[in-house]
PDB file of N, CA and C in Angstrom:
ATOM      1  N   MET A   1    -139.977 -76.843 -57.243  1.00  0.00           N
ATOM      2  CA  MET A   1    -138.859 -75.953 -57.330  1.00  0.00           C
ATOM      3  C   MET A   1    -137.569 -76.726 -56.871  1.00  0.00           C
ATOM      4  N   PHE A   2    -137.900 -77.520 -55.807  1.00  0.00           N
ATOM      5  CA  PHE A   2    -136.589 -78.337 -55.378  1.00  0.00           C
ATOM      6  C   PHE A   2    -136.007 -79.405 -56.355  1.00  0.00           C
ATOM      7  N   ARG A   3    -137.000 -79.942 -57.154  1.00  0.00           N
ATOM      8  CA  ARG A   3    -136.568 -80.845 -58.238  1.00  0.00           C
ATOM      9  C   ARG A   3    -135.525 -80.077 -59.229  1.00  0.00           C
ATOM     10  N   ARG A   4    -136.045 -78.928 -59.612  1.00  0.00           N
ATOM     11  CA  ARG A   4    -135.229 -78.148 -60.481  1.00  0.00           C
ATOM     12  C   ARG A   4    -133.910 -77.863 -60.022  1.00  0.00           C
ATOM     13  N   LEU A   5    -133.708 -77.666 -58.651  1.00  0.00           N
ATOM     14  CA  LEU A   5    -132.415 -77.368 -58.130  1.00  0.00           C
ATOM     15  C   LEU A   5    -131.488 -78.580 -58.301  1.00  0.00           C
ATOM     16  N   GLY A   6    -132.169 -79.729 -58.081  1.00  0.00           N
ATOM     17  CA  GLY A   6    -131.233 -80.956 -58.263  1.00  0.00           C
ATOM     18  C   GLY A   6    -130.961 -81.193 -59.711  1.00  0.00           C
ATOM     19  N   GLN A   7    -131.740 -80.851 -60.550  1.00  0.00           N
ATOM     20  CA  GLN A   7    -131.347 -80.958 -61.972  1.00  0.00           C
ATOM     21  C   GLN A   7    -130.356 -80.027 -62.417  1.00  0.00           C
ATOM     22  N   ASP A   8    -130.380 -78.632 -61.817  1.00  0.00           N
ATOM     23  CA  ASP A   8    -129.354 -77.844 -62.225  1.00  0.00           C
ATOM     24  C   ASP A   8    -128.046 -78.417 -61.598  1.00  0.00           C
ATOM     25  N   PHE A   9    -128.044 -78.870 -60.410  1.00  0.00           N
ATOM     26  CA  PHE A   9    -126.929 -79.415 -59.920  1.00  0.00           C
ATOM     27  C   PHE A   9    -126.232 -80.465 -60.692  1.00  0.00           C
ATOM     28  N   GLN A  10    -127.078 -81.453 -61.131  1.00  0.00           N
ATOM     29  CA  GLN A  10    -126.623 -82.590 -62.005  1.00  0.00           C
ATOM     30  C   GLN A  10    -125.898 -82.066 -63.271  1.00  0.00           C
ATOM     31  N   LEU A  11    -126.530 -81.108 -63.976  1.00  0.00           N
ATOM     32  CA  LEU A  11    -126.108 -80.497 -65.224  1.00  0.00           C
ATOM     33  C   LEU A  11    -124.776 -79.791 -65.002  1.00  0.00           C
ATOM     34  N   ARG A  12    -124.569 -79.251 -63.847  1.00  0.00           N
ATOM     35  CA  ARG A  12    -123.422 -78.550 -63.619  1.00  0.00           C
ATOM     36  C   ARG A  12    -122.294 -79.561 -63.421  1.00  0.00           C
ATOM     37  N   LYS A  13    -122.641 -80.536 -62.651  1.00  0.00           N
ATOM     38  CA  LYS A  13    -121.611 -81.676 -62.489  1.00  0.00           C
ATOM     39  C   LYS A  13    -121.201 -82.390 -63.831  1.00  0.00           C
ATOM     40  N   VAL A  14    -122.196 -82.677 -64.689  1.00  0.00           N
ATOM     41  CA  VAL A  14    -121.948 -83.247 -65.980  1.00  0.00           C
ATOM     42  C   VAL A  14    -121.019 -82.313 -66.869  1.00  0.00           C
ATOM     43  N   LYS A  15    -121.291 -80.979 -66.848  1.00  0.00           N
ATOM     44  CA  LYS A  15    -120.587 -79.949 -67.583  1.00  0.00           C
ATOM     45  C   LYS A  15    -119.203 -79.891 -67.108  1.00  0.00           C
ATOM     46  N   LYS A  16    -119.024 -79.946 -65.885  1.00  0.00           N
ATOM     47  CA  LYS A  16    -117.722 -80.074 -65.115  1.00  0.00           C
ATOM     48  C   LYS A  16    -116.710 -81.166 -65.828  1.00  0.00           C
ATOM     49  N   ILE A  17    -117.448 -82.290 -65.809  1.00  0.00           N
ATOM     50  CA  ILE A  17    -116.803 -83.604 -66.212  1.00  0.00           C
ATOM     51  C   ILE A  17    -116.457 -83.326 -67.841  1.00  0.00           C
ATOM     52  N   LEU A  18    -117.400 -82.814 -68.594  1.00  0.00           N
ATOM     53  CA  LEU A  18    -117.205 -82.587 -70.001  1.00  0.00           C
ATOM     54  C   LEU A  18    -116.004 -81.614 -70.306  1.00  0.00           C
ATOM     55  N   LYS A  19    -115.788 -80.701 -69.486  1.00  0.00           N
ATOM     56  CA  LYS A  19    -114.848 -79.620 -69.578  1.00  0.00           C
ATOM     57  C   LYS A  19    -113.481 -80.359 -69.422  1.00  0.00           C
ATOM     58  N   GLN A  20    -113.378 -81.208 -68.437  1.00  0.00           N
ATOM     59  CA  GLN A  20    -112.152 -82.093 -68.148  1.00  0.00           C
ATOM     60  C   GLN A  20    -111.799 -82.928 -69.310  1.00  0.00           C
ATOM     61  N   ILE A  21    -112.962 -83.625 -69.852  1.00  0.00           N
ATOM     62  CA  ILE A  21    -112.800 -84.436 -71.179  1.00  0.00           C
ATOM     63  C   ILE A  21    -112.214 -83.633 -72.304  1.00  0.00           C
ATOM     64  N   ASN A  22    -112.820 -82.347 -72.463  1.00  0.00           N
ATOM     65  CA  ASN A  22    -112.454 -81.583 -73.597  1.00  0.00           C
ATOM     66  C   ASN A  22    -111.037 -80.957 -73.486  1.00  0.00           C
ATOM     67  N   ALA A  23    -110.545 -80.914 -72.195  1.00  0.00           N
ATOM     68  CA  ALA A  23    -109.123 -80.297 -71.924  1.00  0.00           C
ATOM     69  C   ALA A  23    -108.263 -81.367 -72.311  1.00  0.00           C
ATOM     70  N   LEU A  24    -108.451 -82.651 -72.486  1.00  0.00           N
ATOM     71  CA  LEU A  24    -107.652 -83.674 -72.858  1.00  0.00           C
ATOM     72  C   LEU A  24    -107.555 -83.944 -74.312  1.00  0.00           C
ATOM     73  N   LYS A  25    -108.393 -83.097 -75.096  1.00  0.00           N
ATOM     74  CA  LYS A  25    -108.361 -83.230 -76.613  1.00  0.00           C
ATOM     75  C   LYS A  25    -107.075 -83.254 -77.163  1.00  0.00           C
ATOM     76  N   GLY A  26    -106.279 -82.215 -76.839  1.00  0.00           N
ATOM     77  CA  GLY A  26    -104.945 -82.109 -77.526  1.00  0.00           C
ATOM     78  C   GLY A  26    -103.968 -83.281 -77.148  1.00  0.00           C
ATOM     79  N   LYS A  27    -104.130 -83.683 -75.947  1.00  0.00           N
ATOM     80  CA  LYS A  27    -103.190 -84.733 -75.539  1.00  0.00           C
ATOM     81  C   LYS A  27    -103.625 -86.059 -76.235  1.00  0.00           C
ATOM     82  N   MET A  28    -104.857 -86.325 -76.354  1.00  0.00           N
ATOM     83  CA  MET A  28    -105.320 -87.560 -76.902  1.00  0.00           C
ATOM     84  C   MET A  28    -104.996 -87.509 -78.488  1.00  0.00           C
ATOM     85  N   SER A  29    -105.202 -86.359 -79.152  1.00  0.00           N
ATOM     86  CA  SER A  29    -104.854 -86.412 -80.523  1.00  0.00           C
ATOM     87  C   SER A  29    -103.397 -86.453 -80.856  1.00  0.00           C
ATOM     88  N   SER A  30    -102.512 -86.211 -79.926  1.00  0.00           N
ATOM     89  CA  SER A  30    -101.128 -86.365 -80.123  1.00  0.00           C
ATOM     90  C   SER A  30    -100.682 -87.804 -79.914  1.00  0.00           C
ATOM     91  N   LEU A  31    -101.437 -88.586 -79.333  1.00  0.00           N
ATOM     92  CA  LEU A  31    -101.237 -89.968 -79.157  1.00  0.00           C
ATOM     93  C   LEU A  31    -101.100 -90.921 -80.579  1.00  0.00           C
ATOM     94  N   SER A  32    -100.286 -91.797 -80.594  1.00  0.00           N
ATOM     95  CA  SER A  32    -100.423 -92.712 -81.919  1.00  0.00           C
ATOM     96  C   SER A  32    -101.576 -93.599 -81.622  1.00  0.00           C
ATOM     97  N   ASP A  33    -101.860 -94.433 -82.628  1.00  0.00           N
ATOM     98  CA  ASP A  33    -102.959 -95.403 -82.689  1.00  0.00           C
ATOM     99  C   ASP A  33    -102.429 -96.479 -81.732  1.00  0.00           C
ATOM    100  N   GLN A  34    -101.214 -96.879 -81.640  1.00  0.00           N
ATOM    101  CA  GLN A  34    -100.887 -97.899 -80.748  1.00  0.00           C
ATOM    102  C   GLN A  34    -100.840 -97.424 -79.170  1.00  0.00           C
ATOM    103  N   GLU A  35    -100.636 -96.119 -79.006  1.00  0.00           N
ATOM    104  CA  GLU A  35    -100.679 -95.545 -77.692  1.00  0.00           C
ATOM    105  C   GLU A  35    -102.053 -95.485 -77.338  1.00  0.00           C
ATOM    106  N   LEU A  36    -103.014 -95.204 -78.083  1.00  0.00           N
ATOM    107  CA  LEU A  36    -104.569 -95.107 -77.787  1.00  0.00           C
ATOM    108  C   LEU A  36    -105.028 -96.718 -77.323  1.00  0.00           C
ATOM    109  N   VAL A  37    -104.537 -97.740 -78.223  1.00  0.00           N
ATOM    110  CA  VAL A  37    -104.855 -98.963 -77.893  1.00  0.00           C
ATOM    111  C   VAL A  37    -104.252 -99.338 -76.545  1.00  0.00           C
ATOM    112  N   ALA A  38    -103.170 -98.947 -76.173  1.00  0.00           N
ATOM    113  CA  ALA A  38    -102.476 -99.260 -74.875  1.00  0.00           C
ATOM    114  C   ALA A  38    -103.162 -98.642 -73.706  1.00  0.00           C
ATOM    115  N   LYS A  39    -103.871 -97.582 -73.985  1.00  0.00           N
ATOM    116  CA  LYS A  39    -104.756 -97.009 -72.828  1.00  0.00           C
ATOM    117  C   LYS A  39    -105.761 -97.953 -72.361  1.00  0.00           C
ATOM    118  N   THR A  40    -106.393 -98.731 -73.232  1.00  0.00           N
ATOM    119  CA  THR A  40    -107.325 -99.900 -72.781  1.00  0.00           C
ATOM    120  C   THR A  40    -106.697-100.708 -71.821  1.00  0.00           C
ATOM    121  N   VAL A  41    -105.459-101.163 -72.068  1.00  0.00           N
ATOM    122  CA  VAL A  41    -104.643-102.084 -71.219  1.00  0.00           C
ATOM    123  C   VAL A  41    -104.540-101.271 -69.877  1.00  0.00           C
ATOM    124  N   GLU A  42    -103.961-100.065 -69.890  1.00  0.00           N
ATOM    125  CA  GLU A  42    -103.883 -99.281 -68.703  1.00  0.00           C
ATOM    126  C   GLU A  42    -105.028 -99.204 -67.957  1.00  0.00           C
ATOM    127  N   PHE A  43    -106.218 -98.927 -68.652  1.00  0.00           N
ATOM    128  CA  PHE A  43    -107.499 -98.778 -67.830  1.00  0.00           C
ATOM    129  C   PHE A  43    -107.815-100.083 -66.988  1.00  0.00           C
ATOM    130  N   ARG A  44    -107.745-101.122 -67.736  1.00  0.00           N
ATOM    131  CA  ARG A  44    -107.934-102.451 -67.082  1.00  0.00           C
ATOM    132  C   ARG A  44    -106.998-102.665 -65.805  1.00  0.00           C
ATOM    133  N   GLN A  45    -105.851-102.403 -66.046  1.00  0.00           N
ATOM    134  CA  GLN A  45    -104.839-102.446 -64.999  1.00  0.00           C
ATOM    135  C   GLN A  45    -105.206-101.673 -63.873  1.00  0.00           C
ATOM    136  N   ARG A  46    -105.570-100.373 -63.934  1.00  0.00           N
ATOM    137  CA  ARG A  46    -105.903 -99.384 -62.936  1.00  0.00           C
ATOM    138  C   ARG A  46    -107.282 -99.965 -62.261  1.00  0.00           C
ATOM    139  N   LEU A  47    -108.227-100.444 -63.019  1.00  0.00           N
ATOM    140  CA  LEU A  47    -109.420-101.018 -62.515  1.00  0.00           C
ATOM    141  C   LEU A  47    -108.915-102.199 -61.583  1.00  0.00           C
ATOM    142  N   SER A  48    -108.184-103.090 -62.114  1.00  0.00           N
ATOM    143  CA  SER A  48    -107.761-104.376 -61.294  1.00  0.00           C
ATOM    144  C   SER A  48    -107.041-103.931 -59.918  1.00  0.00           C
ATOM    145  N   GLU A  49    -106.415-102.727 -60.005  1.00  0.00           N
ATOM    146  CA  GLU A  49    -105.557-102.183 -58.828  1.00  0.00           C
ATOM    147  C   GLU A  49    -106.518-101.462 -57.901  1.00  0.00           C
ATOM    148  N   GLY A  50    -107.947-101.462 -58.203  1.00  0.00           N
ATOM    149  CA  GLY A  50    -108.814-100.803 -57.160  1.00  0.00           C
ATOM    150  C   GLY A  50    -109.306 -99.537 -57.605  1.00  0.00           C
ATOM    151  N   GLU A  51    -108.939 -98.821 -58.644  1.00  0.00           N
ATOM    152  CA  GLU A  51    -109.491 -97.751 -59.088  1.00  0.00           C
ATOM    153  C   GLU A  51    -110.923 -97.940 -59.471  1.00  0.00           C
ATOM    154  N   SER A  52    -111.860 -96.931 -59.392  1.00  0.00           N
ATOM    155  CA  SER A  52    -113.125 -97.155 -59.845  1.00  0.00           C
ATOM    156  C   SER A  52    -113.372 -96.484 -61.213  1.00  0.00           C
ATOM    157  N   LEU A  53    -114.519 -97.018 -61.854  1.00  0.00           N
ATOM    158  CA  LEU A  53    -114.915 -96.475 -63.178  1.00  0.00           C
ATOM    159  C   LEU A  53    -115.007 -94.899 -63.142  1.00  0.00           C
ATOM    160  N   ASP A  54    -115.355 -94.311 -62.039  1.00  0.00           N
ATOM    161  CA  ASP A  54    -115.392 -92.895 -62.009  1.00  0.00           C
ATOM    162  C   ASP A  54    -113.945 -92.289 -61.902  1.00  0.00           C
ATOM    163  N   ASP A  55    -113.137 -93.014 -61.445  1.00  0.00           N
ATOM    164  CA  ASP A  55    -111.614 -92.576 -61.413  1.00  0.00           C
ATOM    165  C   ASP A  55    -111.153 -92.445 -62.935  1.00  0.00           C
ATOM    166  N   ILE A  56    -111.373 -93.382 -63.758  1.00  0.00           N
ATOM    167  CA  ILE A  56    -110.860 -93.266 -65.182  1.00  0.00           C
ATOM    168  C   ILE A  56    -111.810 -92.707 -66.128  1.00  0.00           C
ATOM    169  N   LEU A  57    -113.019 -92.392 -65.737  1.00  0.00           N
ATOM    170  CA  LEU A  57    -114.100 -91.865 -66.578  1.00  0.00           C
ATOM    171  C   LEU A  57    -113.517 -90.780 -67.573  1.00  0.00           C
ATOM    172  N   VAL A  58    -112.948 -89.658 -67.052  1.00  0.00           N
ATOM    173  CA  VAL A  58    -112.618 -88.520 -67.920  1.00  0.00           C
ATOM    174  C   VAL A  58    -111.643 -89.050 -68.919  1.00  0.00           C
ATOM    175  N   GLU A  59    -110.548 -89.721 -68.600  1.00  0.00           N
ATOM    176  CA  GLU A  59    -109.496 -90.053 -69.470  1.00  0.00           C
ATOM    177  C   GLU A  59    -110.047 -91.183 -70.445  1.00  0.00           C
ATOM    178  N   ALA A  60    -110.928 -91.980 -70.030  1.00  0.00           N
ATOM    179  CA  ALA A  60    -111.412 -93.118 -70.777  1.00  0.00           C
ATOM    180  C   ALA A  60    -112.322 -92.433 -71.963  1.00  0.00           C
ATOM    181  N   PHE A  61    -113.277 -91.506 -71.570  1.00  0.00           N
ATOM    182  CA  PHE A  61    -114.183 -90.817 -72.371  1.00  0.00           C
ATOM    183  C   PHE A  61    -113.278 -90.032 -73.523  1.00  0.00           C
ATOM    184  N   ALA A  62    -112.357 -89.478 -73.026  1.00  0.00           N
ATOM    185  CA  ALA A  62    -111.374 -88.645 -73.972  1.00  0.00           C
ATOM    186  C   ALA A  62    -110.754 -89.631 -75.000  1.00  0.00           C
ATOM    187  N   VAL A  63    -110.303 -90.686 -74.546  1.00  0.00           N
ATOM    188  CA  VAL A  63    -109.850 -91.699 -75.362  1.00  0.00           C
ATOM    189  C   VAL A  63    -110.758 -92.189 -76.494  1.00  0.00           C
ATOM    190  N   VAL A  64    -111.961 -92.605 -76.131  1.00  0.00           N
ATOM    191  CA  VAL A  64    -112.980 -93.177 -76.854  1.00  0.00           C
ATOM    192  C   VAL A  64    -113.436 -92.046 -77.981  1.00  0.00           C
ATOM    193  N   ARG A  65    -113.560 -90.676 -77.504  1.00  0.00           N
ATOM    194  CA  ARG A  65    -113.790 -89.599 -78.293  1.00  0.00           C
ATOM    195  C   ARG A  65    -112.699 -89.628 -79.607  1.00  0.00           C
ATOM    196  N   GLU A  66    -111.483 -89.695 -79.284  1.00  0.00           N
ATOM    197  CA  GLU A  66    -110.407 -89.599 -80.165  1.00  0.00           C
ATOM    198  C   GLU A  66    -110.529 -90.790 -81.132  1.00  0.00           C
ATOM    199  N   ALA A  67    -110.795 -92.022 -80.487  1.00  0.00           N
ATOM    200  CA  ALA A  67    -110.885 -93.162 -81.339  1.00  0.00           C
ATOM    201  C   ALA A  67    -111.954 -93.076 -82.364  1.00  0.00           C
ATOM    202  N   ASP A  68    -113.076 -92.517 -81.866  1.00  0.00           N
ATOM    203  CA  ASP A  68    -114.279 -92.306 -82.702  1.00  0.00           C
ATOM    204  C   ASP A  68    -113.857 -91.416 -83.909  1.00  0.00           C
ATOM    205  N   LYS A  69    -113.094 -90.345 -83.650  1.00  0.00           N
ATOM    206  CA  LYS A  69    -112.678 -89.472 -84.814  1.00  0.00           C
ATOM    207  C   LYS A  69    -111.859 -90.161 -85.682  1.00  0.00           C
ATOM    208  N   ARG A  70    -110.892 -91.218 -85.230  1.00  0.00           N
ATOM    209  CA  ARG A  70    -109.955 -91.695 -86.185  1.00  0.00           C
ATOM    210  C   ARG A  70    -110.524 -92.865 -86.970  1.00  0.00           C
ATOM    211  N   ILE A  71    -111.399 -93.586 -86.280  1.00  0.00           N
ATOM    212  CA  ILE A  71    -111.992 -94.692 -86.904  1.00  0.00           C
ATOM    213  C   ILE A  71    -113.172 -94.526 -87.605  1.00  0.00           C
ATOM    214  N   LEU A  72    -114.072 -93.616 -87.123  1.00  0.00           N
ATOM    215  CA  LEU A  72    -115.385 -93.386 -87.851  1.00  0.00           C
ATOM    216  C   LEU A  72    -115.354 -92.046 -88.697  1.00  0.00           C
ATOM    217  N   GLY A  73    -114.224 -91.261 -88.365  1.00  0.00           N
ATOM    218  CA  GLY A  73    -114.328 -90.036 -88.950  1.00  0.00           C
ATOM    219  C   GLY A  73    -115.335 -88.815 -88.443  1.00  0.00           C
ATOM    220  N   MET A  74    -115.651 -89.175 -87.314  1.00  0.00           N
ATOM    221  CA  MET A  74    -116.872 -88.342 -86.579  1.00  0.00           C
ATOM    222  C   MET A  74    -116.403 -88.099 -85.209  1.00  0.00           C
ATOM    223  N   PHE A  75    -116.350 -86.831 -84.677  1.00  0.00           N
ATOM    224  CA  PHE A  75    -116.056 -86.522 -83.478  1.00  0.00           C
ATOM    225  C   PHE A  75    -117.312 -86.206 -82.684  1.00  0.00           C
ATOM    226  N   PRO A  76    -117.649 -87.012 -81.610  1.00  0.00           N
ATOM    227  CA  PRO A  76    -118.940 -86.895 -80.878  1.00  0.00           C
ATOM    228  C   PRO A  76    -119.097 -85.425 -80.307  1.00  0.00           C
ATOM    229  N   TYR A  77    -120.432 -84.972 -80.488  1.00  0.00           N
ATOM    230  CA  TYR A  77    -120.831 -83.546 -80.094  1.00  0.00           C
ATOM    231  C   TYR A  77    -120.761 -83.708 -78.525  1.00  0.00           C
ATOM    232  N   ASP A  78    -120.565 -82.434 -77.973  1.00  0.00           N
ATOM    233  CA  ASP A  78    -120.609 -82.398 -76.413  1.00  0.00           C
ATOM    234  C   ASP A  78    -121.839 -83.004 -75.754  1.00  0.00           C
ATOM    235  N   VAL A  79    -122.960 -82.727 -76.479  1.00  0.00           N
ATOM    236  CA  VAL A  79    -124.277 -83.206 -75.923  1.00  0.00           C
ATOM    237  C   VAL A  79    -124.207 -84.688 -75.962  1.00  0.00           C
ATOM    238  N   GLN A  80    -123.657 -85.237 -76.999  1.00  0.00           N
ATOM    239  CA  GLN A  80    -123.582 -86.777 -76.988  1.00  0.00           C
ATOM    240  C   GLN A  80    -122.759 -87.247 -75.839  1.00  0.00           C
ATOM    241  N   VAL A  81    -121.542 -86.725 -75.541  1.00  0.00           N
ATOM    242  CA  VAL A  81    -120.736 -87.046 -74.386  1.00  0.00           C
ATOM    243  C   VAL A  81    -121.495 -86.951 -73.157  1.00  0.00           C
ATOM    244  N   MET A  82    -122.225 -85.727 -72.994  1.00  0.00           N
ATOM    245  CA  MET A  82    -122.929 -85.506 -71.841  1.00  0.00           C
ATOM    246  C   MET A  82    -124.030 -86.620 -71.503  1.00  0.00           C
ATOM    247  N   GLY A  83    -124.684 -86.945 -72.696  1.00  0.00           N
ATOM    248  CA  GLY A  83    -125.743 -88.110 -72.589  1.00  0.00           C
ATOM    249  C   GLY A  83    -124.921 -89.478 -72.046  1.00  0.00           C
ATOM    250  N   ALA A  84    -123.770 -89.748 -72.521  1.00  0.00           N
ATOM    251  CA  ALA A  84    -122.849 -90.956 -72.178  1.00  0.00           C
ATOM    252  C   ALA A  84    -122.615 -90.823 -70.662  1.00  0.00           C
ATOM    253  N   ILE A  85    -122.195 -89.602 -70.226  1.00  0.00           N
ATOM    254  CA  ILE A  85    -121.818 -89.361 -68.769  1.00  0.00           C
ATOM    255  C   ILE A  85    -123.051 -89.642 -68.019  1.00  0.00           C
ATOM    256  N   VAL A  86    -124.168 -89.062 -68.352  1.00  0.00           N
ATOM    257  CA  VAL A  86    -125.405 -89.434 -67.515  1.00  0.00           C
ATOM    258  C   VAL A  86    -125.796 -90.853 -67.505  1.00  0.00           C
ATOM    259  N   MET A  87    -125.636 -91.665 -68.569  1.00  0.00           N
ATOM    260  CA  MET A  87    -125.957 -92.943 -68.672  1.00  0.00           C
ATOM    261  C   MET A  87    -124.949 -93.783 -67.707  1.00  0.00           C
ATOM    262  N   HIS A  88    -123.766 -93.382 -67.605  1.00  0.00           N
ATOM    263  CA  HIS A  88    -122.699 -94.115 -66.900  1.00  0.00           C
ATOM    264  C   HIS A  88    -123.140 -94.118 -65.505  1.00  0.00           C
TER     265      HIS A  88
END
């Protein structure tokens, strides 16, 4: 029973992050290709200034999702993004 409670908590946490990523979909789709590339430089800078991977996770995943759509022509499903969050 207690193991199940932990799994439910983890799933809620992942879904909350996914919701934040999905909320950035419009913002990311409005960026130019050059602006998307510049986000990588921005993320590196933020990390070098002491931010953690968790601090940039939502925006970084939203950028990657948009890049996937533009480059591969495929938009990752929510469940795929959830798997990536868990693996992070």
